[in-house]
Amino acid sequence: MLVPLSKRLGAPILLIILIGGMLVGEDGPGNIEFDNFELAYSLGSIALAIILFAGGLETKLKALKGVRAVSIFLASFGVVITAAIVGFAASYILSIPIEHGLLLGAVVASTDAAATFLLIQQSQINLLPRLSNTLVLESGINDPMAIFLTIALTALVNQGMQIDGETALMFLPLFFQQIGVGVIFGVLGGLGLAKILDRIQLPIGLYPPMAMAGAMAIFAATAILGGSGFLAIYLCGLIIADRLQRSAARILNFSEALQWLSQIVLFSMLGLLVTPSDLSATLIPALMIALVLMFFARPFAVAICAIPARFSIKETIYLSWVGLRGAVPIFLAIFPVITPGPIQTDFFNIVFIVVVTSLVLQGWTVSSSAKWLGLVGK
């Protein structure tokens, strides 16, 4: 029912799900009260892991050969540049300490894998492969940088510390631990899981759930050891899709179905978590921050990071515009709220408004902007 409605309205399905969650909330007809941020964070982690695994399975590793460098630049330096620009702007707009502003910038800095994967599929446009592959790979691997920045800046804000060279060096080991452990477990885990699935003898219907269970085990083990479980499970999906010989189509179909369910659950829960009547207090400054993000921070980051790839001006504009924000920023906004510190629910509300603005303006125009710029393949 949601998919036909989305196509009829021309609206991103994720936006419809998000609004649906708000309607069943305490300010809507459903009148359901839900403000358990800790539970939302736990369930959101699982849902996001499933979404990333399915996204990895749907991405052809060989097709990414020409876009790996630019995607890695966008997923690392691009996130830092975006976070810095939005952070300084937020500090000025909201009249808050620069550390608080940078924390907000870090939360909204990464493009969202769930939104990107789904909206590119939903748009049903034959987007030029290099553009599509860049957007998909960037959104799949940029979460670790945003998560690292969010964790580090949350700790810094909660401890009342100021940003300087010494504090930056203090958090470097955490960064290398997150990325290093995530890459090692994702690659080795994916290779091992693919080999197990190819060798073990099971009823054909059991291979998909076994693949999902193995991927979730890799996600959990990586997180327990201090690595980025989200990076690990995405890389695991990439490796399995490239190496698996047996039941690959069944595993992909199963994971895609779970991906849809996870997206519905995640966006419904996040819509339920927000209280619409509380949004008015931060609406105007949040919209200003969203405009800074979409029209200045993201384009500047793309212009800097995409230079080596020699994208055309039109391609660069499209990469800048389709920097979709979705569940990940809202999910990350929960973390500072549930930790003992000065960050309150207004922070979550601001991020929510930024994400909804992105889904409305950018998500609604994924197809039309590509056609207007002449970037649709034949």
Protein backbone atom coordinates (compact mmCIF):
# COMPACT_ATOMS: atom_id res chain seq x y z
CA MET A 1 0.00 0.00 0.00
CA LEU A 2 2.83 2.39 0.84
CA VAL A 3 4.68 1.90 -2.45
CA PRO A 4 1.69 2.73 -4.71
CA LEU A 5 0.88 5.75 -2.51
CA SER A 6 4.48 6.93 -2.76
CA LYS A 7 4.44 6.61 -6.56
CA ARG A 8 1.10 8.39 -6.84
CA LEU A 9 2.27 11.32 -4.74
CA GLY A 10 5.79 11.30 -6.15
CA ALA A 11 7.03 11.46 -2.56
CA PRO A 12 9.91 9.51 -1.01
CA ILE A 13 8.41 6.46 0.68
CA LEU A 14 10.65 7.03 3.70
CA LEU A 15 9.01 10.42 4.25
CA ILE A 16 5.57 8.82 4.15
CA ILE A 17 6.64 6.19 6.69
CA LEU A 18 8.13 8.90 8.92
CA ILE A 19 4.90 10.91 8.80
CA GLY A 20 2.94 7.73 9.51
CA GLY A 21 5.00 7.20 12.66
CA MET A 22 4.25 10.76 13.76
CA LEU A 23 0.51 10.28 13.16
CA VAL A 24 0.32 7.31 15.52
CA GLY A 25 2.34 9.21 18.13
CA GLU A 26 1.10 11.17 21.11
CA ASP A 27 0.20 14.25 19.05
CA GLY A 28 -1.55 12.25 16.35
CA PRO A 29 -4.75 10.22 16.10
CA GLY A 30 -2.92 7.13 17.38
CA ASN A 31 -2.07 8.90 20.65
CA ILE A 32 0.72 6.43 21.44
CA GLU A 33 3.30 7.78 23.88
CA PHE A 34 6.83 6.62 23.15
CA ASP A 35 9.88 8.45 24.51
CA ASN A 36 12.24 5.57 25.25
CA PHE A 37 15.38 6.85 23.52
CA GLU A 38 17.50 3.96 24.84
CA LEU A 39 15.19 1.34 23.29
CA ALA A 40 15.01 3.30 20.05
CA TYR A 41 18.80 3.41 19.87
CA SER A 42 19.10 -0.37 20.42
CA LEU A 43 16.40 -1.30 17.89
CA GLY A 44 17.73 1.29 15.45
CA SER A 45 21.20 -0.27 15.56
CA ILE A 46 19.81 -3.66 14.53
CA ALA A 47 17.61 -2.23 11.78
CA LEU A 48 20.43 -0.12 10.36
CA ALA A 49 22.78 -3.13 10.35
CA ILE A 50 20.26 -5.16 8.32
CA ILE A 51 19.81 -2.26 5.87
CA LEU A 52 23.55 -1.90 5.36
CA PHE A 53 24.06 -5.64 4.86
CA ALA A 54 21.37 -5.71 2.18
CA GLY A 55 22.88 -2.61 0.60
CA GLY A 56 26.26 -4.33 0.42
CA LEU A 57 24.70 -7.41 -1.18
CA GLU A 58 23.01 -5.25 -3.82
CA THR A 59 26.26 -3.46 -4.75
CA LYS A 60 28.46 -5.02 -7.41
CA LEU A 61 32.06 -4.85 -6.21
CA LYS A 62 33.50 -4.86 -9.74
CA ALA A 63 31.31 -1.93 -10.74
CA LEU A 64 32.85 0.17 -7.96
CA LYS A 65 36.37 -0.05 -9.35
CA GLY A 66 36.39 3.44 -10.86
CA VAL A 67 34.70 5.24 -7.95
CA ARG A 68 36.41 3.82 -4.87
CA ALA A 69 38.85 6.70 -4.40
CA VAL A 70 36.30 9.51 -4.69
CA SER A 71 33.80 7.61 -2.51
CA ILE A 72 36.41 7.13 0.22
CA PHE A 73 37.34 10.83 0.06
CA LEU A 74 33.67 11.83 0.35
CA ALA A 75 33.10 9.32 3.17
CA SER A 76 36.04 10.64 5.20
CA PHE A 77 37.20 14.16 4.40
CA GLY A 78 33.80 15.06 2.99
CA VAL A 79 32.10 14.18 6.28
CA VAL A 80 34.66 16.21 8.27
CA ILE A 81 34.30 19.26 5.99
CA THR A 82 30.51 19.08 6.12
CA ALA A 83 30.50 18.68 9.91
CA ALA A 84 32.83 21.65 10.36
CA ILE A 85 30.83 24.02 8.14
CA VAL A 86 27.46 23.01 9.61
CA GLY A 87 28.94 23.07 13.12
CA PHE A 88 30.19 26.65 12.90
CA ALA A 89 26.90 27.75 11.31
CA ALA A 90 24.85 25.97 14.01
CA SER A 91 26.94 27.56 16.74
CA TYR A 92 26.17 31.01 15.33
CA ILE A 93 22.49 30.36 14.52
CA LEU A 94 21.65 28.72 17.85
CA SER A 95 24.06 30.80 19.97
CA ILE A 96 25.60 27.67 21.48
CA PRO A 97 29.24 26.73 22.24
CA ILE A 98 31.24 25.71 19.19
CA GLU A 99 31.68 22.18 20.57
CA HIS A 100 27.88 21.74 20.70
CA GLY A 101 27.56 23.11 17.17
CA LEU A 102 30.22 20.74 15.85
CA LEU A 103 28.45 17.83 17.52
CA LEU A 104 25.28 18.73 15.64
CA GLY A 105 27.33 19.07 12.46
CA ALA A 106 28.83 15.61 12.96
CA VAL A 107 25.41 14.04 13.46
CA VAL A 108 24.02 15.37 10.16
CA ALA A 109 27.25 15.14 8.16
CA SER A 110 26.90 11.67 6.62
CA THR A 111 24.63 10.77 3.76
CA ASP A 112 22.18 8.04 4.63
CA ALA A 113 22.54 4.55 3.19
CA ALA A 114 18.88 3.60 3.73
CA ALA A 115 17.61 6.74 2.01
CA THR A 116 20.12 6.57 -0.83
CA PHE A 117 19.67 2.87 -1.62
CA LEU A 118 15.88 3.09 -1.54
CA LEU A 119 15.33 6.41 -3.31
CA ILE A 120 17.66 5.56 -6.20
CA GLN A 121 15.72 2.29 -6.62
CA GLN A 122 12.36 4.00 -6.17
CA SER A 123 13.14 6.72 -8.73
CA GLN A 124 13.55 4.01 -11.43
CA ILE A 125 15.83 6.24 -13.48
CA ASN A 126 18.73 4.89 -15.48
CA LEU A 127 21.27 7.06 -13.67
CA LEU A 128 24.77 7.11 -15.14
CA PRO A 129 26.67 4.22 -13.48
CA ARG A 130 29.57 6.30 -12.16
CA LEU A 131 27.20 8.66 -10.37
CA SER A 132 24.99 5.91 -8.98
CA ASN A 133 27.95 3.83 -7.79
CA THR A 134 29.59 6.83 -6.13
CA LEU A 135 26.44 7.76 -4.23
CA VAL A 136 25.78 4.18 -3.12
CA LEU A 137 29.35 3.41 -2.00
CA GLU A 138 29.77 6.75 -0.23
CA SER A 139 26.54 6.34 1.71
CA GLY A 140 27.50 2.80 2.67
CA ILE A 141 30.93 3.62 4.10
CA ASN A 142 30.60 7.15 5.51
CA ASP A 143 28.71 6.19 8.67
CA PRO A 144 31.89 5.19 10.62
CA MET A 145 33.35 8.69 10.28
CA ALA A 146 30.09 10.30 11.43
CA ILE A 147 29.79 7.81 14.29
CA PHE A 148 33.39 8.43 15.37
CA LEU A 149 32.91 12.21 15.32
CA THR A 150 29.62 11.89 17.21
CA ILE A 151 31.11 9.66 19.93
CA ALA A 152 34.22 11.81 20.30
CA LEU A 153 32.37 15.13 20.38
CA THR A 154 29.72 13.77 22.75
CA ALA A 155 32.45 12.75 25.19
CA LEU A 156 34.11 16.13 24.77
CA VAL A 157 30.85 18.04 25.37
CA ASN A 158 29.85 15.89 28.35
CA GLN A 159 33.23 16.46 30.00
CA GLY A 160 33.15 20.21 29.35
CA MET A 161 36.36 20.08 27.30
CA GLN A 162 37.34 22.46 24.52
CA ILE A 163 38.51 21.52 21.04
CA ASP A 164 42.23 21.90 20.48
CA GLY A 165 45.14 19.93 19.06
CA GLU A 166 45.65 17.94 22.24
CA THR A 167 42.06 16.71 22.45
CA ALA A 168 42.08 15.85 18.73
CA LEU A 169 45.16 13.65 19.22
CA MET A 170 43.53 12.04 22.24
CA PHE A 171 40.71 10.67 20.07
CA LEU A 172 42.90 9.44 17.18
CA PRO A 173 43.32 5.91 18.64
CA LEU A 174 39.53 5.59 18.80
CA PHE A 175 39.29 6.55 15.13
CA PHE A 176 41.84 4.00 13.97
CA GLN A 177 40.24 1.35 16.17
CA GLN A 178 36.79 2.01 14.71
CA ILE A 179 37.94 1.94 11.09
CA GLY A 180 40.66 -0.71 11.38
CA VAL A 181 38.65 -3.30 13.30
CA GLY A 182 35.62 -2.62 11.09
CA VAL A 183 37.57 -3.20 7.86
CA ILE A 184 39.38 -6.31 9.12
CA PHE A 185 36.28 -8.01 10.51
CA GLY A 186 34.14 -6.98 7.55
CA VAL A 187 36.53 -8.32 4.91
CA LEU A 188 37.70 -11.44 6.75
CA GLY A 189 34.22 -12.15 8.07
CA GLY A 190 32.73 -11.80 4.59
CA LEU A 191 35.32 -14.13 3.07
CA GLY A 192 34.82 -16.69 5.82
CA LEU A 193 31.03 -16.52 5.70
CA ALA A 194 31.00 -16.89 1.90
CA LYS A 195 33.24 -19.96 2.15
CA ILE A 196 31.05 -21.52 4.85
CA LEU A 197 27.86 -20.92 2.86
CA ASP A 198 29.41 -22.49 -0.24
CA ARG A 199 30.65 -25.61 1.59
CA ILE A 200 27.95 -26.38 4.13
CA GLN A 201 25.04 -28.61 3.11
CA LEU A 202 21.67 -27.20 4.15
CA PRO A 203 18.09 -27.20 2.87
CA ILE A 204 18.04 -24.46 0.26
CA GLY A 205 15.63 -22.32 2.25
CA LEU A 206 18.05 -22.08 5.21
CA TYR A 207 20.90 -20.34 3.38
CA PRO A 208 19.37 -16.82 3.51
CA PRO A 209 18.70 -16.78 7.28
CA MET A 210 22.10 -18.34 7.93
CA ALA A 211 23.79 -15.59 5.88
CA MET A 212 21.88 -12.93 7.83
CA ALA A 213 22.71 -14.57 11.17
CA GLY A 214 26.40 -14.78 10.25
CA ALA A 215 26.46 -11.13 9.16
CA MET A 216 24.79 -10.00 12.39
CA ALA A 217 27.34 -12.04 14.38
CA ILE A 218 30.13 -10.20 12.56
CA PHE A 219 28.39 -6.89 13.29
CA ALA A 220 28.09 -7.70 17.00
CA ALA A 221 31.65 -9.05 17.36
CA THR A 222 33.10 -5.97 15.66
CA ALA A 223 31.13 -3.62 17.93
CA ILE A 224 32.16 -5.56 21.06
CA LEU A 225 35.83 -5.19 20.09
CA GLY A 226 35.46 -1.44 19.60
CA GLY A 227 35.24 -1.38 15.82
CA SER A 228 32.57 -0.01 13.52
CA GLY A 229 30.02 -2.77 13.22
CA PHE A 230 28.17 -0.79 10.55
CA LEU A 231 31.25 -0.63 8.32
CA ALA A 232 31.95 -4.31 8.96
CA ILE A 233 28.50 -5.55 8.00
CA TYR A 234 28.40 -3.41 4.84
CA LEU A 235 31.80 -4.74 3.72
CA CYS A 236 30.64 -8.24 4.63
CA GLY A 237 27.69 -7.85 2.26
CA LEU A 238 29.98 -6.58 -0.51
CA ILE A 239 32.35 -9.53 -0.15
CA ILE A 240 29.57 -12.15 0.00
CA ALA A 241 27.92 -10.73 -3.12
CA ASP A 242 31.25 -10.93 -4.94
CA ARG A 243 32.41 -14.37 -3.72
CA LEU A 244 29.31 -16.47 -3.04
CA GLN A 245 28.53 -19.23 -5.53
CA ARG A 246 25.51 -20.92 -3.94
CA SER A 247 21.99 -19.49 -3.41
CA ALA A 248 23.17 -15.92 -4.01
CA ALA A 249 19.84 -14.85 -5.54
CA ARG A 250 17.84 -16.33 -2.65
CA ILE A 251 20.04 -14.59 -0.08
CA LEU A 252 19.71 -11.29 -1.92
CA ASN A 253 15.91 -11.53 -2.14
CA PHE A 254 15.63 -12.49 1.54
CA SER A 255 17.88 -9.62 2.60
CA GLU A 256 16.01 -7.14 0.41
CA ALA A 257 12.72 -8.14 2.07
CA LEU A 258 14.25 -7.69 5.52
CA GLN A 259 15.72 -4.38 4.38
CA TRP A 260 12.25 -3.09 3.53
CA LEU A 261 10.83 -4.29 6.84
CA SER A 262 13.75 -2.75 8.74
CA GLN A 263 13.30 0.58 6.99
CA ILE A 264 9.59 0.60 7.79
CA VAL A 265 10.23 -0.28 11.44
CA LEU A 266 13.10 2.19 11.78
CA PHE A 267 11.40 5.20 10.21
CA SER A 268 8.09 4.45 11.94
CA MET A 269 9.84 4.25 15.30
CA LEU A 270 11.77 7.48 14.70
CA GLY A 271 8.55 9.22 13.67
CA LEU A 272 6.87 7.88 16.80
CA LEU A 273 9.77 9.10 18.95
CA VAL A 274 9.40 12.73 17.95
CA THR A 275 6.72 14.97 19.48
CA PRO A 276 5.46 17.28 16.66
CA SER A 277 4.20 19.95 19.06
CA ASP A 278 7.75 20.38 20.37
CA LEU A 279 9.20 21.08 16.91
CA SER A 280 7.87 24.63 16.58
CA ALA A 281 10.35 26.00 19.14
CA THR A 282 13.32 25.05 16.97
CA LEU A 283 11.72 25.11 13.50
CA ILE A 284 13.24 28.31 12.09
CA PRO A 285 16.86 27.76 13.25
CA ALA A 286 16.67 24.10 12.19
CA LEU A 287 15.51 25.11 8.70
CA MET A 288 18.40 27.59 8.49
CA ILE A 289 20.85 24.84 9.42
CA ALA A 290 19.27 22.53 6.83
CA LEU A 291 19.74 25.16 4.12
CA VAL A 292 23.39 25.65 5.11
CA LEU A 293 23.87 21.89 4.89
CA MET A 294 22.19 21.44 1.50
CA PHE A 295 23.28 24.59 -0.32
CA PHE A 296 26.74 25.26 1.09
CA ALA A 297 28.32 22.55 3.27
CA ARG A 298 27.56 19.50 1.11
CA PRO A 299 28.35 21.25 -2.24
CA PHE A 300 31.65 22.59 -0.88
CA ALA A 301 32.67 19.17 0.46
CA VAL A 302 31.81 17.49 -2.84
CA ALA A 303 33.64 20.15 -4.88
CA ILE A 304 36.81 19.57 -2.83
CA CYS A 305 36.68 15.77 -2.61
CA ALA A 306 35.54 15.09 -6.17
CA ILE A 307 38.38 17.01 -7.86
CA PRO A 308 40.55 13.89 -8.52
CA ALA A 309 37.61 12.08 -10.14
CA ARG A 310 37.16 14.85 -12.73
CA PHE A 311 33.39 14.91 -12.59
CA SER A 312 31.70 17.40 -14.87
CA ILE A 313 30.03 20.46 -13.37
CA LYS A 314 26.59 18.86 -13.82
CA GLU A 315 27.74 15.62 -12.19
CA THR A 316 29.24 17.54 -9.28
CA ILE A 317 26.00 19.47 -8.82
CA TYR A 318 24.02 16.23 -8.74
CA LEU A 319 26.40 14.60 -6.27
CA SER A 320 26.02 17.68 -4.10
CA TRP A 321 22.25 17.69 -4.31
CA VAL A 322 21.62 13.98 -3.71
CA GLY A 323 23.40 14.01 -0.35
CA LEU A 324 20.33 12.55 1.27
CA ARG A 325 19.87 12.58 5.03
CA GLY A 326 17.67 9.94 6.58
CA ALA A 327 17.60 7.52 9.49
CA VAL A 328 21.31 7.68 10.38
CA PRO A 329 21.39 11.34 11.52
CA ILE A 330 18.18 10.88 13.56
CA PHE A 331 19.61 7.66 14.98
CA LEU A 332 22.91 9.35 15.85
CA ALA A 333 21.06 12.26 17.46
CA ILE A 334 19.73 9.83 20.05
CA PHE A 335 23.23 9.05 21.36
CA PRO A 336 24.07 12.47 22.90
CA VAL A 337 20.56 12.64 24.37
CA ILE A 338 20.82 9.31 26.24
CA THR A 339 24.30 10.03 27.63
CA PRO A 340 24.69 11.99 30.89
CA GLY A 341 25.46 15.48 29.70
CA PRO A 342 24.01 18.86 28.68
CA ILE A 343 22.41 17.71 25.39
CA GLN A 344 18.60 17.68 25.61
CA THR A 345 15.76 16.58 23.32
CA ASP A 346 15.81 19.92 21.46
CA PHE A 347 19.01 18.63 19.83
CA PHE A 348 17.09 15.58 18.53
CA ASN A 349 14.24 17.80 17.30
CA ILE A 350 16.61 20.01 15.30
CA VAL A 351 18.19 17.00 13.61
CA PHE A 352 14.73 15.59 12.87
CA ILE A 353 13.70 18.81 11.10
CA VAL A 354 16.95 18.85 9.10
CA VAL A 355 16.34 15.27 7.93
CA VAL A 356 12.71 15.90 6.99
CA THR A 357 13.76 18.99 5.04
CA SER A 358 16.35 16.91 3.17
CA LEU A 359 13.82 14.19 2.36
CA VAL A 360 11.29 16.74 1.12
CA LEU A 361 13.59 18.92 -0.99
CA GLN A 362 16.27 16.45 -2.08
CA GLY A 363 14.43 13.13 -1.88
CA TRP A 364 11.47 14.44 -3.85
CA THR A 365 13.77 15.59 -6.69
CA VAL A 366 16.15 12.62 -7.11
CA SER A 367 14.64 11.80 -10.50
CA SER A 368 13.72 15.25 -11.80
CA SER A 369 17.10 16.80 -10.99
CA ALA A 370 18.92 14.00 -12.84
CA LYS A 371 16.73 14.52 -15.89
CA TRP A 372 17.09 18.30 -15.72
CA LEU A 373 20.88 17.98 -15.61
CA GLY A 374 20.90 15.44 -18.46
CA LEU A 375 22.50 12.68 -16.40
CA VAL A 376 20.10 9.86 -17.22
CA GLY A 377 21.56 7.08 -19.38
CA LYS A 378 19.76 5.68 -22.38
